Amino acid sequence: MYRPGQRIALVATADPHTDLRPGDEGTVRSYDTRLQQLKVTWDSGSRLSMLLDDGDEVSVLT
């Protein structure tokens, strides 16, 4: 579903400590289907991973 190099935008995150906000964009580094963990390099410089089974949500940019 997600592949390295793919561009995404943050829809929502369950992490109360991040500075990322909905609409922030980034590039997928890797995706672990077993853990539903999406590793992202965000344009802001953050490398926060998205935990898709724990309330984080992203959308793929076209």
N, C-alpha and C. Protein backbone atom coordinates (compact mmCIF):
# COMPACT_ATOMS: atom_id res chain seq x y z
N MET A 1 0.82 -1.19 0.00
CA MET A 1 0.00 0.00 0.00
C MET A 1 0.87 1.25 0.00
N TYR A 2 1.81 1.35 0.92
CA TYR A 2 2.74 2.48 0.95
C TYR A 2 4.09 1.99 0.48
N ARG A 3 4.80 2.82 -0.26
CA ARG A 3 6.11 2.42 -0.77
C ARG A 3 7.12 3.56 -0.59
N PRO A 4 8.39 3.22 -0.43
CA PRO A 4 9.42 4.25 -0.25
C PRO A 4 9.37 5.28 -1.38
N GLY A 5 9.53 6.53 -0.99
CA GLY A 5 9.52 7.62 -1.95
C GLY A 5 8.15 8.23 -2.17
N GLN A 6 7.12 7.54 -1.73
CA GLN A 6 5.75 8.04 -1.91
C GLN A 6 5.52 9.26 -1.01
N ARG A 7 4.81 10.24 -1.55
CA ARG A 7 4.50 11.46 -0.79
C ARG A 7 3.17 11.30 -0.08
N ILE A 8 3.14 11.74 1.18
CA ILE A 8 1.92 11.64 1.98
C ILE A 8 1.67 12.97 2.70
N ALA A 9 0.46 13.12 3.20
CA ALA A 9 0.10 14.26 4.04
C ALA A 9 -0.53 13.74 5.32
N LEU A 10 -0.24 14.40 6.41
CA LEU A 10 -0.82 14.02 7.69
C LEU A 10 -2.28 14.44 7.75
N VAL A 11 -3.14 13.51 8.12
CA VAL A 11 -4.55 13.79 8.35
C VAL A 11 -4.78 14.01 9.84
N ALA A 12 -4.25 13.09 10.66
CA ALA A 12 -4.40 13.18 12.12
C ALA A 12 -3.34 12.32 12.79
N THR A 13 -2.97 12.70 14.00
CA THR A 13 -2.06 11.88 14.79
C THR A 13 -2.55 11.83 16.24
N ALA A 14 -2.31 10.70 16.86
CA ALA A 14 -2.69 10.51 18.26
C ALA A 14 -1.56 10.95 19.20
N ASP A 15 -0.43 11.36 18.65
CA ASP A 15 0.72 11.77 19.46
C ASP A 15 0.53 13.20 19.95
N PRO A 16 0.32 13.40 21.25
CA PRO A 16 0.09 14.75 21.77
C PRO A 16 1.36 15.59 21.88
N HIS A 17 2.52 14.97 21.67
CA HIS A 17 3.80 15.66 21.88
C HIS A 17 4.47 16.11 20.59
N THR A 18 3.87 15.84 19.44
CA THR A 18 4.50 16.22 18.17
C THR A 18 4.11 17.63 17.76
N ASP A 19 4.99 18.25 16.99
CA ASP A 19 4.70 19.56 16.40
C ASP A 19 4.04 19.42 15.03
N LEU A 20 3.92 18.19 14.54
CA LEU A 20 3.27 17.97 13.25
C LEU A 20 1.80 18.33 13.34
N ARG A 21 1.27 18.87 12.26
CA ARG A 21 -0.13 19.28 12.20
C ARG A 21 -0.77 18.73 10.93
N PRO A 22 -2.08 18.54 10.95
CA PRO A 22 -2.78 18.08 9.74
C PRO A 22 -2.39 18.95 8.54
N GLY A 23 -2.10 18.27 7.44
CA GLY A 23 -1.68 18.96 6.22
C GLY A 23 -0.19 18.93 6.00
N ASP A 24 0.60 18.66 7.06
CA ASP A 24 2.05 18.55 6.90
C ASP A 24 2.35 17.40 5.94
N GLU A 25 3.38 17.58 5.12
CA GLU A 25 3.71 16.60 4.10
C GLU A 25 5.05 15.95 4.39
N GLY A 26 5.20 14.73 3.86
CA GLY A 26 6.45 14.00 4.04
C GLY A 26 6.61 12.91 3.00
N THR A 27 7.73 12.20 3.10
CA THR A 27 8.08 11.13 2.17
C THR A 27 8.22 9.83 2.94
N VAL A 28 7.60 8.78 2.43
CA VAL A 28 7.65 7.46 3.06
C VAL A 28 9.07 6.90 2.94
N ARG A 29 9.62 6.42 4.09
CA ARG A 29 10.89 5.71 4.09
C ARG A 29 10.66 4.21 4.01
N SER A 30 9.68 3.71 4.77
CA SER A 30 9.35 2.29 4.74
C SER A 30 7.99 2.07 5.39
N TYR A 31 7.45 0.88 5.15
CA TYR A 31 6.15 0.53 5.71
C TYR A 31 6.20 -0.90 6.19
N ASP A 32 5.91 -1.12 7.48
CA ASP A 32 5.86 -2.45 8.07
C ASP A 32 4.40 -2.87 8.17
N THR A 33 3.99 -3.79 7.31
CA THR A 33 2.58 -4.21 7.29
C THR A 33 2.19 -4.95 8.56
N ARG A 34 3.13 -5.67 9.15
CA ARG A 34 2.83 -6.44 10.37
C ARG A 34 2.50 -5.51 11.53
N LEU A 35 3.28 -4.45 11.68
CA LEU A 35 3.07 -3.49 12.78
C LEU A 35 2.19 -2.31 12.38
N GLN A 36 1.86 -2.22 11.08
CA GLN A 36 1.12 -1.06 10.58
C GLN A 36 1.85 0.24 10.93
N GLN A 37 3.19 0.20 10.76
CA GLN A 37 4.04 1.34 11.09
C GLN A 37 4.60 1.93 9.81
N LEU A 38 4.36 3.22 9.64
CA LEU A 38 4.81 3.94 8.46
C LEU A 38 5.92 4.89 8.87
N LYS A 39 7.13 4.64 8.39
CA LYS A 39 8.26 5.50 8.70
C LYS A 39 8.31 6.61 7.66
N VAL A 40 8.36 7.86 8.16
CA VAL A 40 8.23 9.02 7.29
C VAL A 40 9.34 10.03 7.59
N THR A 41 9.87 10.64 6.55
CA THR A 41 10.71 11.82 6.70
C THR A 41 9.82 13.00 6.35
N TRP A 42 9.45 13.76 7.37
CA TRP A 42 8.57 14.89 7.18
C TRP A 42 9.35 16.09 6.65
N ASP A 43 8.70 16.91 5.83
CA ASP A 43 9.36 18.08 5.25
C ASP A 43 9.87 19.04 6.32
N SER A 44 9.27 19.00 7.49
CA SER A 44 9.68 19.86 8.61
C SER A 44 10.99 19.40 9.25
N GLY A 45 11.46 18.20 8.86
CA GLY A 45 12.68 17.64 9.45
C GLY A 45 12.40 16.54 10.46
N SER A 46 11.16 16.41 10.90
CA SER A 46 10.78 15.35 11.83
C SER A 46 10.88 13.99 11.14
N ARG A 47 11.17 12.96 11.93
CA ARG A 47 11.20 11.59 11.40
C ARG A 47 10.20 10.72 12.16
N LEU A 48 9.16 11.36 12.68
CA LEU A 48 8.14 10.65 13.44
C LEU A 48 7.45 9.60 12.58
N SER A 49 7.38 8.37 13.10
CA SER A 49 6.67 7.29 12.42
C SER A 49 5.19 7.36 12.74
N MET A 50 4.38 6.93 11.80
CA MET A 50 2.93 6.89 11.98
C MET A 50 2.53 5.47 12.36
N LEU A 51 1.75 5.35 13.42
CA LEU A 51 1.23 4.06 13.87
C LEU A 51 -0.23 3.99 13.44
N LEU A 52 -0.46 3.38 12.31
CA LEU A 52 -1.77 3.42 11.66
C LEU A 52 -2.84 2.65 12.43
N ASP A 53 -2.44 1.71 13.28
CA ASP A 53 -3.42 0.99 14.11
C ASP A 53 -3.68 1.69 15.44
N ASP A 54 -2.96 2.78 15.69
CA ASP A 54 -3.08 3.47 16.98
C ASP A 54 -3.60 4.90 16.84
N GLY A 55 -4.33 5.18 15.78
CA GLY A 55 -4.99 6.48 15.66
C GLY A 55 -4.34 7.48 14.72
N ASP A 56 -3.15 7.14 14.16
CA ASP A 56 -2.54 8.04 13.19
C ASP A 56 -3.16 7.79 11.81
N GLU A 57 -3.29 8.86 11.05
CA GLU A 57 -3.91 8.74 9.72
C GLU A 57 -3.19 9.66 8.74
N VAL A 58 -2.91 9.13 7.55
CA VAL A 58 -2.27 9.92 6.50
C VAL A 58 -3.05 9.71 5.19
N SER A 59 -2.80 10.59 4.24
CA SER A 59 -3.36 10.41 2.91
C SER A 59 -2.23 10.46 1.90
N VAL A 60 -2.37 9.70 0.83
CA VAL A 60 -1.38 9.67 -0.23
C VAL A 60 -1.61 10.86 -1.15
N LEU A 61 -0.52 11.57 -1.47
CA LEU A 61 -0.61 12.69 -2.40
C LEU A 61 -0.43 12.18 -3.82
N THR A 62 -1.15 12.78 -4.74
CA THR A 62 -1.04 12.33 -6.13
C THR A 62 -0.15 13.25 -6.92
